[in-house]
Amino acid sequence: MHGAMGWIVRGLALLAGALAVITPLFFLAAALGTKYGLWDWRMGFGTLTRQIGPNLLWASVLVGAAALVALTLTALLARRDRPGAGGFIAAIAAIAVGAAGLGYALHVREQAAGVPPIHDIATNTANPPEFSPVMIAARGPDANSVDYFSKTDPRSGRALAEVQAEAYPDIRPIRLSADPETAHAAAVDVAREMGWTLSPEPANGTVFEATAETFWFGFRDDVVVRIGEEGEGSVVDARSVSRVGMSDLGANAARLREFERRLRERLGEPRTG
C-alpha cells in the first residue's frame, strides 16, 4: 500500500485496533472507578457509561466497518503490499466490541421497559419491615428514602404497594413450619451465603439487617429481614431497597426470590400456593 490511500487504510486499521482495546477498558474503568470511590455513581454510571459510552461503542462499530471495507478493497485492487491479517483482525474486533456493547445496552433498555421504575420491594406491603436508625444513617443523606408508604411509581403515580403487587405478584410473606428461632438462624446463614454484609448491630432474634453490593459499580442495596411467630411455625418478611437510582431493573425482587428459594431449601420446606 503506497501513498495517501495507504496511510488512510493503515490509520483506520490502527484506530480500529485501538478502539477494540480502549472501549472495554473504558467501561471497566467507569465501573471499578465508581466501586472504589474514584468518582461518584453519577459520574461513573451516568456520565461515563450512559452518556459517553454509547458514543464510544458507535465509534468502534463505524471505524471498524470503515477499516474493514478499506482493507477489503485494498486487498482486491492492490497489485502488491496487500494488507496483512492483523488489520482485518483489528477491524473485526472493533465491530464485535461495539456491537456487543450496543446489544447489551439494548437488552438493558428492554429490561427497564419491562419493569416499573421502583427500587423498594417488600414481601409484606401492608406492614413492611422497617430499617433501624443505624442503617438509615449508613445509607447516607443522599440515599433513596426508606419511607415505604410515601413512594409512588413515577410513571403512573400509583402507590408502591399496588405497583409491586402487579409487577411481582410472587413476592409475598414467607410462611414456614419451622419455629422462629430456627428460621432466624437459617435466614442469617442464607444472607451470608448470598454475600450480604450483615449489620454490625447484633441480631435480636426477630430482625436483622444487611447490605448487598454489586461487583460492577459497587451499587449497594440494603435488606432488612423480620422473623415472627405464626401459629406453630413462623413467617419471614424481607425488604430490599436500593440506595441510589430510580429503577432497580428488577434486582431487588430477584434478590428476595433467591433469598426465599435458598431459605426454603436450607429448611427443607417447599413453597406452596
Foldseek 3Di string as FASTA:
>chain_A
DDDPLVVVLVVLLVVLLVLLPVLVVQLQCLFVCLQVVVDHCCCSVPVRCPPVNLVSLVVLQVSLVVSLVSLVVQQVPPPDPRDDVSSNVSSVSSNVSSVVSVVVVVVLVVLPVLAFQAFKDKQDLVDGDDDDPVVVVVLPPQFDDPPQQVDARVVPRHRPVVRCCVRPVPRHKQWDLAALQVLVVLLVVLCVVVVWAWDPPDDPSFKTKTWDFDPTSRWIKIKMKGWADDDNHIIIMMMIGTGDGRHPSCVRVVVSVVSSVSSCVVVVHDDDD
